[in-house]
């Protein structure tokens, strides 16, 4: 089927009063930004990307405007990058587990997919020796999420550079979905796109800043590849959305304010979740990142988290079953909503876990 089974499920089954399935920070409203009518335009010159938006993105991530391709969210950014770099039948290496819509998009464009492990036992880090064994002369792209979706674990710059060297040795590129990078705040590693032309990074204002409705995503890559991606994007429309682009510029200029809003939710929630995981060590194993908005616990006594999700729905609480990440014994726990809602949701989760035994 030419669709994402996870995204279809998420649209219709993830929502709940106590949403622990949410993978991005609680959405902003107009009170979270200072906006005037002069900030917004309906029409304007943006047929190659709105220039002021490309400039603020470039400045934020230490690249040049010619390295920036705006896109409709991170998912569209990933699709455009992959569809430009690979031809049908090309070999692509992608981590396992991974974010299912990326895997579905690779299937749609006809890639020959090979997997490399990000194992629980290895703290979801990349095993470079395994990756070296998987890479071949036919490899054209290596796909990584960092911080990792679903575990929240980030890859160090040193490891990323070694992956880049490995890719360059066979003429391949490395696509890194960095949509969770900014949740690390001052502890974030440098944007991977600054490491060399073999790297492509994607991100958006959605996960870390609560601005999903703007659909402001982007690709950062070499100028030569950026031009090729723009030409592919011509298939989907001549211009972008000026209201969205102009509002996104406003958001970038107030990003510190939005980051402070994110901190007020994430920092107390991290403490709540870390304590919850400690209190349930008899039932759960988990690799716990120092900072994240998602974790990926593993049930100790059950092979499938589906019944856990189903029983939680009785308490108007949701999680993401691990089957959507090829890991049915796990579930993804998100905590990017108000701390009081996380606290109650975790109480419900505790009750159902104890009932399951």
Foldseek 3Di string as FASTA:
>chain_A
DLDQPVVVCCVPPQAFPLRQADQAFAADDPVLFDDDPVLFDFDDDQLQHDQLLLCLVCVVQVHHSLQKGKDQFQLRVLLLLVLLQDAAAFEEEEEALAQRSSVSSCVVRRHPYDYAYLDVVNLREGDVVRVLVVDDLRHAEYEAEAVGPPARHGYAPVVLLVVLVSQVVNNHAYEYEDAFQCQCPPPGHRDNQVSDQSYKYKYACPHQQNPSVLSTMMIGHDSVSSVSSSVVCVVVDRGDGRRSSSVVSSCSVCVVSSNVVQCVQFVVLLVVVVVLCVVVVVFWDWSRDPGRQKRKIFGPPDQACVVLQVVLVVVRYGWAACVSSVRRRIIMTGRNYHPVSSNVNSVSSVVSSVVVD
